[in-house]
PDB file of N, CA and C in Angstrom:
ATOM      1  N   UNK A   1     -88.880-173.136 172.858  1.00  0.00           N
ATOM      2  CA  UNK A   1     -89.087-174.722 172.620  1.00  0.00           C
ATOM      3  C   UNK A   1     -90.507-175.227 172.469  1.00  0.00           C
ATOM      4  N   UNK A   2     -90.858-175.650 171.457  1.00  0.00           N
ATOM      5  CA  UNK A   2     -92.313-176.142 171.284  1.00  0.00           C
ATOM      6  C   UNK A   2     -92.371-177.761 171.989  1.00  0.00           C
ATOM      7  N   UNK A   3     -93.460-177.696 172.535  1.00  0.00           N
ATOM      8  CA  UNK A   3     -93.951-179.065 172.983  1.00  0.00           C
ATOM      9  C   UNK A   3     -94.550-179.920 172.114  1.00  0.00           C
ATOM     10  N   UNK A   4     -94.277-181.221 171.875  1.00  0.00           N
ATOM     11  CA  UNK A   4     -95.219-182.210 171.160  1.00  0.00           C
ATOM     12  C   UNK A   4     -96.277-182.410 171.760  1.00  0.00           C
ATOM     13  N   UNK A   5     -97.359-182.523 171.238  1.00  0.00           N
ATOM     14  CA  UNK A   5     -98.582-183.077 171.771  1.00  0.00           C
ATOM     15  C   UNK A   5     -99.112-184.392 171.054  1.00  0.00           C
ATOM     16  N   UNK A   6     -99.082-185.345 171.759  1.00  0.00           N
ATOM     17  CA  UNK A   6     -99.436-186.798 171.081  1.00  0.00           C
ATOM     18  C   UNK A   6    -100.971-186.937 171.418  1.00  0.00           C
ATOM     19  N   UNK A   7    -101.951-186.999 170.360  1.00  0.00           N
ATOM     20  CA  UNK A   7    -103.201-187.203 170.443  1.00  0.00           C
ATOM     21  C   UNK A   7    -103.501-188.547 169.840  1.00  0.00           C
ATOM     22  N   UNK A   8    -104.345-189.357 170.614  1.00  0.00           N
ATOM     23  CA  UNK A   8    -104.603-190.784 169.814  1.00  0.00           C
ATOM     24  C   UNK A   8    -105.549-190.345 168.606  1.00  0.00           C
ATOM     25  N   UNK A   9    -105.163-191.440 167.653  1.00  0.00           N
ATOM     26  CA  UNK A   9    -105.771-191.304 166.438  1.00  0.00           C
ATOM     27  C   UNK A   9    -107.404-191.274 166.492  1.00  0.00           C
ATOM     28  N   UNK A  10    -107.858-192.326 167.382  1.00  0.00           N
ATOM     29  CA  UNK A  10    -109.408-192.313 167.617  1.00  0.00           C
ATOM     30  C   UNK A  10    -109.944-191.115 167.860  1.00  0.00           C
ATOM     31  N   UNK A  11    -109.280-190.399 168.698  1.00  0.00           N
ATOM     32  CA  UNK A  11    -109.717-189.025 169.287  1.00  0.00           C
ATOM     33  C   UNK A  11    -110.049-188.194 168.127  1.00  0.00           C
ATOM     34  N   UNK A  12    -109.087-188.034 167.113  1.00  0.00           N
ATOM     35  CA  UNK A  12    -109.015-187.126 166.062  1.00  0.00           C
ATOM     36  C   UNK A  12    -110.212-187.733 165.004  1.00  0.00           C
ATOM     37  N   UNK A  13    -110.191-188.917 164.953  1.00  0.00           N
ATOM     38  CA  UNK A  13    -111.195-189.313 163.878  1.00  0.00           C
ATOM     39  C   UNK A  13    -112.580-189.061 164.435  1.00  0.00           C
ATOM     40  N   UNK A  14    -112.811-189.345 165.668  1.00  0.00           N
ATOM     41  CA  UNK A  14    -114.162-188.897 166.120  1.00  0.00           C
ATOM     42  C   UNK A  14    -114.628-187.493 166.006  1.00  0.00           C
ATOM     43  N   UNK A  15    -113.749-186.657 165.768  1.00  0.00           N
ATOM     44  CA  UNK A  15    -113.884-185.186 165.363  1.00  0.00           C
ATOM     45  C   UNK A  15    -114.248-184.929 164.115  1.00  0.00           C
ATOM     46  N   UNK A  16    -114.076-185.739 163.026  1.00  0.00           N
ATOM     47  CA  UNK A  16    -114.218-185.584 161.684  1.00  0.00           C
ATOM     48  C   UNK A  16    -115.517-185.582 161.387  1.00  0.00           C
ATOM     49  N   UNK A  17    -115.935-184.584 160.753  1.00  0.00           N
ATOM     50  CA  UNK A  17    -117.401-184.578 160.294  1.00  0.00           C
ATOM     51  C   UNK A  17    -117.418-184.386 158.628  1.00  0.00           C
ATOM     52  N   UNK A  18    -118.409-184.781 157.815  1.00  0.00           N
ATOM     53  CA  UNK A  18    -118.522-184.569 156.362  1.00  0.00           C
ATOM     54  C   UNK A  18    -119.414-183.370 156.253  1.00  0.00           C
ATOM     55  N   UNK A  19    -118.741-182.402 155.361  1.00  0.00           N
ATOM     56  CA  UNK A  19    -119.463-181.210 155.366  1.00  0.00           C
ATOM     57  C   UNK A  19    -119.207-180.794 153.838  1.00  0.00           C
ATOM     58  N   UNK A  20    -120.468-180.814 153.192  1.00  0.00           N
ATOM     59  CA  UNK A  20    -120.372-180.463 151.667  1.00  0.00           C
ATOM     60  C   UNK A  20    -119.372-181.276 150.916  1.00  0.00           C
ATOM     61  N   UNK A  21    -119.366-182.654 151.023  1.00  0.00           N
ATOM     62  CA  UNK A  21    -118.536-183.491 150.489  1.00  0.00           C
ATOM     63  C   UNK A  21    -117.067-183.504 150.969  1.00  0.00           C
ATOM     64  N   UNK A  22    -116.843-182.808 151.937  1.00  0.00           N
ATOM     65  CA  UNK A  22    -115.321-182.808 152.363  1.00  0.00           C
ATOM     66  C   UNK A  22    -115.241-183.185 153.907  1.00  0.00           C
ATOM     67  N   UNK A  23    -114.162-183.580 154.328  1.00  0.00           N
ATOM     68  CA  UNK A  23    -113.775-183.968 155.736  1.00  0.00           C
ATOM     69  C   UNK A  23    -113.405-183.076 156.508  1.00  0.00           C
ATOM     70  N   UNK A  24    -113.876-182.553 157.366  1.00  0.00           N
ATOM     71  CA  UNK A  24    -113.649-181.314 158.346  1.00  0.00           C
ATOM     72  C   UNK A  24    -113.349-181.456 159.775  1.00  0.00           C
ATOM     73  N   UNK A  25    -112.777-180.747 160.449  1.00  0.00           N
ATOM     74  CA  UNK A  25    -112.721-180.667 161.867  1.00  0.00           C
ATOM     75  C   UNK A  25    -113.081-179.261 162.191  1.00  0.00           C
ATOM     76  N   UNK A  26    -114.091-179.016 163.045  1.00  0.00           N
ATOM     77  CA  UNK A  26    -114.379-177.634 163.393  1.00  0.00           C
ATOM     78  C   UNK A  26    -113.511-177.160 164.275  1.00  0.00           C
ATOM     79  N   UNK A  27    -113.297-175.686 164.106  1.00  0.00           N
ATOM     80  CA  UNK A  27    -112.380-175.087 165.293  1.00  0.00           C
ATOM     81  C   UNK A  27    -112.598-175.156 166.570  1.00  0.00           C
ATOM     82  N   UNK A  28    -113.864-175.464 166.966  1.00  0.00           N
ATOM     83  CA  UNK A  28    -113.836-175.839 168.253  1.00  0.00           C
ATOM     84  C   UNK A  28    -113.306-176.938 168.608  1.00  0.00           C
ATOM     85  N   UNK A  29    -113.531-177.991 167.975  1.00  0.00           N
ATOM     86  CA  UNK A  29    -112.867-179.150 168.229  1.00  0.00           C
ATOM     87  C   UNK A  29    -111.340-179.191 168.122  1.00  0.00           C
ATOM     88  N   UNK A  30    -110.766-178.572 167.376  1.00  0.00           N
ATOM     89  CA  UNK A  30    -109.132-178.535 167.279  1.00  0.00           C
ATOM     90  C   UNK A  30    -108.837-177.619 168.344  1.00  0.00           C
ATOM     91  N   UNK A  31    -109.467-176.714 168.874  1.00  0.00           N
ATOM     92  CA  UNK A  31    -109.062-175.983 170.218  1.00  0.00           C
ATOM     93  C   UNK A  31    -109.167-176.749 171.220  1.00  0.00           C
ATOM     94  N   UNK A  32    -110.250-177.614 171.275  1.00  0.00           N
ATOM     95  CA  UNK A  32    -110.215-178.840 172.333  1.00  0.00           C
ATOM     96  C   UNK A  32    -109.320-179.714 172.504  1.00  0.00           C
ATOM     97  N   UNK A  33    -108.695-180.269 171.205  1.00  0.00           N
ATOM     98  CA  UNK A  33    -107.735-181.237 171.136  1.00  0.00           C
ATOM     99  C   UNK A  33    -106.454-180.628 171.701  1.00  0.00           C
ATOM    100  N   UNK A  34    -106.229-179.318 171.504  1.00  0.00           N
ATOM    101  CA  UNK A  34    -105.001-178.699 171.917  1.00  0.00           C
ATOM    102  C   UNK A  34    -104.898-177.899 173.154  1.00  0.00           C
ATOM    103  N   UNK A  35    -106.172-178.041 173.892  1.00  0.00           N
ATOM    104  CA  UNK A  35    -106.463-177.444 175.150  1.00  0.00           C
ATOM    105  C   UNK A  35    -106.225-175.952 175.159  1.00  0.00           C
ATOM    106  N   UNK A  36    -106.820-175.315 174.032  1.00  0.00           N
ATOM    107  CA  UNK A  36    -106.770-173.760 173.948  1.00  0.00           C
ATOM    108  C   UNK A  36    -108.041-173.243 173.696  1.00  0.00           C
ATOM    109  N   UNK A  37    -108.293-171.946 174.098  1.00  0.00           N
ATOM    110  CA  UNK A  37    -109.646-171.347 173.771  1.00  0.00           C
ATOM    111  C   UNK A  37    -109.894-171.354 172.335  1.00  0.00           C
ATOM    112  N   UNK A  38    -111.032-171.492 171.757  1.00  0.00           N
ATOM    113  CA  UNK A  38    -111.311-171.340 170.384  1.00  0.00           C
ATOM    114  C   UNK A  38    -110.861-170.131 169.715  1.00  0.00           C
ATOM    115  N   UNK A  39    -111.303-168.968 170.559  1.00  0.00           N
ATOM    116  CA  UNK A  39    -110.896-167.470 170.373  1.00  0.00           C
ATOM    117  C   UNK A  39    -109.364-167.329 169.905  1.00  0.00           C
ATOM    118  N   UNK A  40    -108.540-168.020 170.911  1.00  0.00           N
ATOM    119  CA  UNK A  40    -106.957-167.852 170.603  1.00  0.00           C
ATOM    120  C   UNK A  40    -106.516-168.655 169.407  1.00  0.00           C
ATOM    121  N   UNK A  41    -107.180-169.898 169.109  1.00  0.00           N
ATOM    122  CA  UNK A  41    -106.800-170.559 168.051  1.00  0.00           C
ATOM    123  C   UNK A  41    -107.035-169.820 166.848  1.00  0.00           C
ATOM    124  N   UNK A  42    -108.265-169.150 166.666  1.00  0.00           N
ATOM    125  CA  UNK A  42    -108.589-168.320 165.498  1.00  0.00           C
ATOM    126  C   UNK A  42    -107.641-167.118 165.297  1.00  0.00           C
ATOM    127  N   UNK A  43    -107.361-166.743 166.511  1.00  0.00           N
ATOM    128  CA  UNK A  43    -106.318-165.399 166.503  1.00  0.00           C
ATOM    129  C   UNK A  43    -104.989-165.774 165.754  1.00  0.00           C
ATOM    130  N   UNK A  44    -104.541-166.897 166.208  1.00  0.00           N
ATOM    131  CA  UNK A  44    -103.476-167.479 165.582  1.00  0.00           C
ATOM    132  C   UNK A  44    -103.416-167.705 164.263  1.00  0.00           C
ATOM    133  N   UNK A  45    -104.308-168.243 163.685  1.00  0.00           N
ATOM    134  CA  UNK A  45    -104.806-168.403 162.507  1.00  0.00           C
ATOM    135  C   UNK A  45    -104.601-167.274 161.539  1.00  0.00           C
ATOM    136  N   UNK A  46    -105.489-166.471 161.903  1.00  0.00           N
ATOM    137  CA  UNK A  46    -105.233-164.992 161.453  1.00  0.00           C
ATOM    138  C   UNK A  46    -104.098-164.183 161.225  1.00  0.00           C
ATOM    139  N   UNK A  47    -103.035-164.528 162.413  1.00  0.00           N
ATOM    140  CA  UNK A  47    -101.936-163.936 162.532  1.00  0.00           C
ATOM    141  C   UNK A  47    -100.969-164.581 161.671  1.00  0.00           C
ATOM    142  N   UNK A  48    -101.055-166.006 161.441  1.00  0.00           N
ATOM    143  CA  UNK A  48     -99.992-166.612 160.684  1.00  0.00           C
ATOM    144  C   UNK A  48    -100.693-167.391 159.503  1.00  0.00           C
ATOM    145  N   UNK A  49    -101.226-166.687 158.528  1.00  0.00           N
ATOM    146  CA  UNK A  49    -102.060-167.126 157.550  1.00  0.00           C
ATOM    147  C   UNK A  49    -100.886-167.831 156.659  1.00  0.00           C
ATOM    148  N   UNK A  50     -99.682-167.586 156.416  1.00  0.00           N
ATOM    149  CA  UNK A  50     -98.877-168.276 155.677  1.00  0.00           C
ATOM    150  C   UNK A  50     -98.676-169.724 156.192  1.00  0.00           C
ATOM    151  N   UNK A  51     -98.732-170.132 157.389  1.00  0.00           N
ATOM    152  CA  UNK A  51     -98.613-171.411 158.053  1.00  0.00           C
ATOM    153  C   UNK A  51     -99.898-172.414 157.826  1.00  0.00           C
ATOM    154  N   UNK A  52    -100.993-171.763 157.366  1.00  0.00           N
ATOM    155  CA  UNK A  52    -102.385-172.353 157.162  1.00  0.00           C
ATOM    156  C   UNK A  52    -102.920-172.219 155.982  1.00  0.00           C
ATOM    157  N   UNK A  53    -102.366-173.211 154.929  1.00  0.00           N
ATOM    158  CA  UNK A  53    -102.708-173.015 153.526  1.00  0.00           C
ATOM    159  C   UNK A  53    -104.456-172.962 153.333  1.00  0.00           C
ATOM    160  N   UNK A  54    -104.675-172.397 152.291  1.00  0.00           N
ATOM    161  CA  UNK A  54    -106.043-172.101 151.938  1.00  0.00           C
ATOM    162  C   UNK A  54    -106.812-173.282 151.955  1.00  0.00           C
ATOM    163  N   UNK A  55    -106.063-174.526 151.444  1.00  0.00           N
ATOM    164  CA  UNK A  55    -106.729-176.040 151.418  1.00  0.00           C
ATOM    165  C   UNK A  55    -107.097-176.466 152.740  1.00  0.00           C
ATOM    166  N   UNK A  56    -106.492-175.874 153.745  1.00  0.00           N
ATOM    167  CA  UNK A  56    -106.560-176.166 154.950  1.00  0.00           C
ATOM    168  C   UNK A  56    -107.556-175.656 156.054  1.00  0.00           C
ATOM    169  N   UNK A  57    -107.835-174.434 155.643  1.00  0.00           N
ATOM    170  CA  UNK A  57    -108.988-173.436 156.259  1.00  0.00           C
ATOM    171  C   UNK A  57    -109.870-173.093 155.347  1.00  0.00           C
ATOM    172  N   UNK A  58    -111.130-172.651 155.739  1.00  0.00           N
ATOM    173  CA  UNK A  58    -111.943-172.073 154.882  1.00  0.00           C
ATOM    174  C   UNK A  58    -113.035-171.276 155.840  1.00  0.00           C
ATOM    175  N   UNK A  59    -113.654-170.140 155.183  1.00  0.00           N
ATOM    176  CA  UNK A  59    -114.459-169.364 156.050  1.00  0.00           C
ATOM    177  C   UNK A  59    -115.953-169.581 155.803  1.00  0.00           C
TER     178      UNK A  59
END
């Protein structure tokens, strides 16, 4: 069973930066929002590429 995590909108908005004309959130900040280590977040993205469209992630 997955647990739902509610993150206040203003917390997310403060994590957004503008990079090369795009709005992005750095992996470190996403991991912090979900209270997981950045390493684990990146591992899960690599293991589940089909769940993360190319428009959502970049290297």
